[in-house]
Amino acid sequence: MKLQTLLLFLLCFMALGSLKAQETGEDKLGTWLMYFGTHRISDPFSIHTEVQYRTYEFGSNFNQLLLRTGLNYHFADNAMATLGYGNIPSDGTFLDPEGEKNSKEHRIYEQLAFKNSLGKVDFSHRYRLEQRFLESATGVKDTQHRMRYLLRLTYPLNAQWFLTAYDEIFINLQEPLFGQNRLYAALGYKVNSSISLEMGYLKNHFTGANFDRFQLGVWWRTDWRKENSENKNG
């Protein structure tokens, strides 16, 4: 009798877990399509541009659109500071009821980024502070603050192909303290000195929830100093 009760309990627990996964989309492979741009306008300054389109399922079921820009100050060859802004509409639920509205977020952020290397491995460190001005789908407004730290490792396979991985932790400056953790690994390809591509997998962990995401990213770097110099010389 005790064994039957235990088996019944386990079956109920598994059924509830499956139902929760179906309601939140945890059992789906979502996608993050990403573009990142860095455009050098002078020796100390560059402009950051960014677009990310995120879905709950593979290529469908909208989750989030992230539009971000910033002004970078390069105070050393391997270090820079950034002041930026983001506009982020989000669908906070996997389910898509009729007439559902998206939440809105305006975000200001400040960050420091550093690079170093050890042998063939390149390390990137990013420290970010965010002020988040939120408006829910029902119109409720809130202001929140959080810190983020990202550590990325990149290993070249040859002149064009490379492996890269990172872990990023989010700490809220209000309760609850833990926000989320992102663990990422990818294969990258350098098209040329200006453009690189990455295709990889992200595990996005929240308290009580885990999401799997396929990522495809494009990085574009331009140097307007060269163009301006050529125009002046021409």
Foldseek 3Di string as FASTA:
>chain_A
DVVVVVVVVVVVVVVVVVVVCVWALQVAAKAKEKEWEWEADDPFKIKIWMWIWIASHHVDHGFKIKTKMWMWGDPDPFKIKIWIKIWMWGDRTSDDDPPFFTKIKIKIKIKMKGWDDDVQKIKIKMKMKMWIWIAGSVGDTDIWIKIKIKIKIKGDPDPFKIKMWMKMFIATPDPPGGAKIKTKIWIKTDPDPFKIKTWIWIWIGGVVGIHIYTYIYMYGYYYCVVVVVVVVVD
